[in-house]
N, C-alpha and C. Protein backbone atom coordinates (compact mmCIF):
# COMPACT_ATOMS: atom_id res chain seq x y z
N UNK A 1 100.14 106.18 122.83
CA UNK A 1 99.33 104.99 122.97
C UNK A 1 100.06 103.81 122.33
N UNK A 2 99.98 102.64 122.93
CA UNK A 2 100.64 101.44 122.41
C UNK A 2 99.98 100.96 121.13
N UNK A 3 100.78 100.46 120.24
CA UNK A 3 100.29 99.88 118.99
C UNK A 3 99.93 98.42 119.21
N UNK A 4 99.23 97.84 118.24
CA UNK A 4 98.90 96.42 118.26
C UNK A 4 99.43 95.79 116.98
N UNK A 5 99.84 94.54 117.07
CA UNK A 5 100.41 93.85 115.92
C UNK A 5 99.74 92.50 115.72
N UNK A 6 99.50 92.19 114.46
CA UNK A 6 98.96 90.88 114.09
C UNK A 6 100.08 90.21 113.30
N UNK A 7 100.53 89.06 113.78
CA UNK A 7 101.63 88.35 113.15
C UNK A 7 101.12 86.99 112.69
N UNK A 8 101.32 86.69 111.41
CA UNK A 8 100.89 85.41 110.85
C UNK A 8 102.10 84.64 110.36
N UNK A 9 102.12 83.34 110.65
CA UNK A 9 103.17 82.45 110.17
C UNK A 9 102.52 81.37 109.32
N UNK A 10 103.06 81.13 108.17
CA UNK A 10 102.57 80.07 107.29
C UNK A 10 103.48 78.87 107.47
N UNK A 11 102.99 77.80 108.08
CA UNK A 11 103.79 76.60 108.30
C UNK A 11 104.13 75.93 106.97
N UNK A 12 103.18 75.95 106.05
CA UNK A 12 103.43 75.42 104.72
C UNK A 12 102.42 76.05 103.76
N UNK A 13 102.80 76.10 102.50
CA UNK A 13 101.91 76.61 101.47
C UNK A 13 101.86 75.55 100.38
N UNK A 14 100.74 74.84 100.32
CA UNK A 14 100.60 73.78 99.33
C UNK A 14 99.99 74.28 98.02
N UNK A 15 99.35 75.46 98.08
CA UNK A 15 98.71 76.00 96.89
C UNK A 15 99.02 77.51 96.79
N UNK A 16 100.14 77.87 96.19
CA UNK A 16 100.51 79.29 96.10
C UNK A 16 99.46 80.15 95.40
N UNK A 17 98.76 79.61 94.43
CA UNK A 17 97.73 80.37 93.73
C UNK A 17 96.59 80.74 94.68
N UNK A 18 96.23 79.83 95.57
CA UNK A 18 95.17 80.11 96.54
C UNK A 18 95.62 81.20 97.53
N UNK A 19 96.88 81.19 97.91
CA UNK A 19 97.41 82.22 98.82
C UNK A 19 97.37 83.57 98.12
N UNK A 20 97.70 83.61 96.84
CA UNK A 20 97.67 84.87 96.09
C UNK A 20 96.24 85.40 96.01
N UNK A 21 95.27 84.54 95.80
CA UNK A 21 93.86 84.95 95.75
C UNK A 21 93.40 85.44 97.13
N UNK A 22 93.82 84.75 98.19
CA UNK A 22 93.50 85.17 99.56
C UNK A 22 94.05 86.57 99.82
N UNK A 23 95.29 86.83 99.39
CA UNK A 23 95.92 88.13 99.62
C UNK A 23 95.16 89.26 98.93
N UNK A 24 94.59 88.98 97.77
CA UNK A 24 93.82 89.99 97.04
C UNK A 24 92.60 90.45 97.85
N UNK A 25 92.04 89.56 98.65
CA UNK A 25 90.87 89.89 99.47
C UNK A 25 91.27 90.36 100.87
N UNK A 26 92.24 89.69 101.46
CA UNK A 26 92.63 90.00 102.84
C UNK A 26 93.32 91.35 102.96
N UNK A 27 94.16 91.70 102.00
CA UNK A 27 94.88 92.97 102.06
C UNK A 27 93.96 94.17 102.17
N UNK A 28 93.02 94.34 101.25
CA UNK A 28 92.09 95.46 101.35
C UNK A 28 91.23 95.42 102.61
N UNK A 29 90.86 94.23 103.06
CA UNK A 29 90.04 94.12 104.28
C UNK A 29 90.83 94.60 105.50
N UNK A 30 92.09 94.22 105.59
CA UNK A 30 92.93 94.66 106.71
C UNK A 30 93.19 96.16 106.62
N UNK A 31 93.51 96.65 105.43
CA UNK A 31 93.74 98.09 105.26
C UNK A 31 92.49 98.88 105.58
N UNK A 32 91.34 98.37 105.18
CA UNK A 32 90.07 99.03 105.48
C UNK A 32 89.79 99.09 106.97
N UNK A 33 90.37 98.15 107.72
CA UNK A 33 90.22 98.13 109.17
C UNK A 33 91.31 98.91 109.88
N UNK A 34 92.14 99.63 109.13
CA UNK A 34 93.18 100.44 109.75
C UNK A 34 94.53 99.78 109.86
N UNK A 35 94.69 98.58 109.31
CA UNK A 35 95.96 97.88 109.40
C UNK A 35 96.96 98.36 108.37
N UNK A 36 98.24 98.28 108.76
CA UNK A 36 99.33 98.65 107.88
C UNK A 36 100.31 97.48 107.79
N UNK A 37 100.65 97.10 106.57
CA UNK A 37 101.60 96.03 106.35
C UNK A 37 103.00 96.51 106.69
N UNK A 38 103.66 95.83 107.62
CA UNK A 38 105.03 96.18 107.98
C UNK A 38 106.04 95.28 107.28
N UNK A 39 105.73 93.99 107.17
CA UNK A 39 106.67 93.06 106.55
C UNK A 39 105.93 91.81 106.10
N UNK A 40 106.45 91.21 105.03
CA UNK A 40 105.93 89.92 104.58
C UNK A 40 107.02 89.22 103.78
N UNK A 41 107.03 87.91 103.88
CA UNK A 41 107.99 87.14 103.10
C UNK A 41 108.72 86.13 103.97
N UNK A 42 109.76 85.57 103.41
CA UNK A 42 110.58 84.57 104.09
C UNK A 42 111.69 85.32 104.84
N UNK A 43 111.94 84.98 106.12
CA UNK A 43 113.00 85.65 106.86
C UNK A 43 114.37 85.45 106.19
N UNK A 44 115.20 86.47 106.23
CA UNK A 44 116.56 86.36 105.71
C UNK A 44 117.42 85.52 106.63
N UNK A 45 117.10 85.56 107.92
CA UNK A 45 117.87 84.82 108.93
C UNK A 45 116.97 84.53 110.11
N UNK A 46 117.09 83.35 110.69
CA UNK A 46 116.32 83.01 111.88
C UNK A 46 117.27 82.59 113.00
N UNK A 47 116.82 82.78 114.24
CA UNK A 47 117.60 82.42 115.43
C UNK A 47 116.73 81.60 116.37
N UNK A 48 117.35 81.01 117.38
CA UNK A 48 116.63 80.29 118.44
C UNK A 48 115.70 79.23 117.88
N UNK A 49 116.17 78.45 116.93
CA UNK A 49 115.41 77.36 116.31
C UNK A 49 114.17 77.86 115.58
N UNK A 50 114.21 79.11 115.10
CA UNK A 50 113.10 79.67 114.34
C UNK A 50 112.94 78.97 113.00
N UNK A 51 111.75 79.03 112.46
CA UNK A 51 111.46 78.41 111.18
C UNK A 51 111.54 79.45 110.06
N UNK A 52 112.15 79.08 108.98
CA UNK A 52 112.24 79.98 107.83
C UNK A 52 111.00 79.79 106.96
N UNK A 53 109.90 80.31 107.44
CA UNK A 53 108.61 80.21 106.75
C UNK A 53 108.06 81.61 106.50
N UNK A 54 107.13 81.70 105.57
CA UNK A 54 106.52 82.99 105.24
C UNK A 54 105.89 83.60 106.49
N UNK A 55 106.17 84.87 106.71
CA UNK A 55 105.68 85.61 107.87
C UNK A 55 105.09 86.93 107.40
N UNK A 56 103.98 87.34 108.03
CA UNK A 56 103.34 88.61 107.72
C UNK A 56 103.17 89.37 109.03
N UNK A 57 103.56 90.64 109.06
CA UNK A 57 103.41 91.47 110.26
C UNK A 57 102.58 92.70 109.89
N UNK A 58 101.48 92.88 110.61
CA UNK A 58 100.58 94.02 110.42
C UNK A 58 100.55 94.87 111.67
N UNK A 59 100.43 96.17 111.50
CA UNK A 59 100.36 97.09 112.64
C UNK A 59 99.01 97.79 112.66
N UNK A 60 98.47 97.95 113.86
CA UNK A 60 97.23 98.69 114.09
C UNK A 60 97.46 99.70 115.19
N UNK A 61 96.64 100.71 115.25
CA UNK A 61 96.78 101.73 116.29
C UNK A 61 96.37 101.23 117.67
N UNK A 62 95.43 100.28 117.72
CA UNK A 62 94.95 99.74 119.00
C UNK A 62 94.64 98.25 118.87
N UNK A 63 94.58 97.57 119.99
CA UNK A 63 94.16 96.17 120.02
C UNK A 63 92.73 96.04 119.53
N UNK A 64 91.87 96.98 119.93
CA UNK A 64 90.48 96.94 119.51
C UNK A 64 90.36 97.05 117.99
N UNK A 65 91.17 97.89 117.39
CA UNK A 65 91.15 98.05 115.94
C UNK A 65 91.62 96.75 115.25
N UNK A 66 92.66 96.13 115.77
CA UNK A 66 93.16 94.88 115.21
C UNK A 66 92.11 93.78 115.32
N UNK A 67 91.48 93.69 116.48
CA UNK A 67 90.45 92.67 116.70
C UNK A 67 89.26 92.89 115.77
N UNK A 68 88.83 94.13 115.66
CA UNK A 68 87.69 94.45 114.78
C UNK A 68 88.01 94.12 113.33
N UNK A 69 89.22 94.42 112.88
CA UNK A 69 89.60 94.12 111.50
C UNK A 69 89.63 92.62 111.26
N UNK A 70 90.20 91.88 112.20
CA UNK A 70 90.29 90.42 112.06
C UNK A 70 88.91 89.78 112.06
N UNK A 71 88.03 90.26 112.91
CA UNK A 71 86.69 89.69 113.04
C UNK A 71 85.68 90.25 112.04
N UNK A 72 86.09 91.21 111.22
CA UNK A 72 85.16 91.86 110.28
C UNK A 72 84.68 90.86 109.22
N UNK A 73 83.50 91.13 108.69
CA UNK A 73 82.96 90.31 107.62
C UNK A 73 83.87 90.35 106.40
N UNK A 74 84.45 91.51 106.12
CA UNK A 74 85.33 91.65 104.95
C UNK A 74 86.54 90.72 105.04
N UNK A 75 87.11 90.56 106.25
CA UNK A 75 88.27 89.70 106.40
C UNK A 75 87.87 88.22 106.49
N UNK A 76 86.84 87.96 107.23
CA UNK A 76 86.41 86.56 107.40
C UNK A 76 85.90 85.99 106.09
């Protein structure tokens, strides 16, 4: 069965402390919904005019599972 991925890009972070607090809540909510963290951080190298901004990649077993985790009360 095909996996599903949720990819987040942070264009800018003006308040790193707020992002850290968000991660404390979002991480457990995503894991509780079946998500697995594959990568996070600043890319080591970008191509094709890519932006060197913080990126987070999460993996889920299905699109339905990813959607349910994103739309869950715990994540929202």
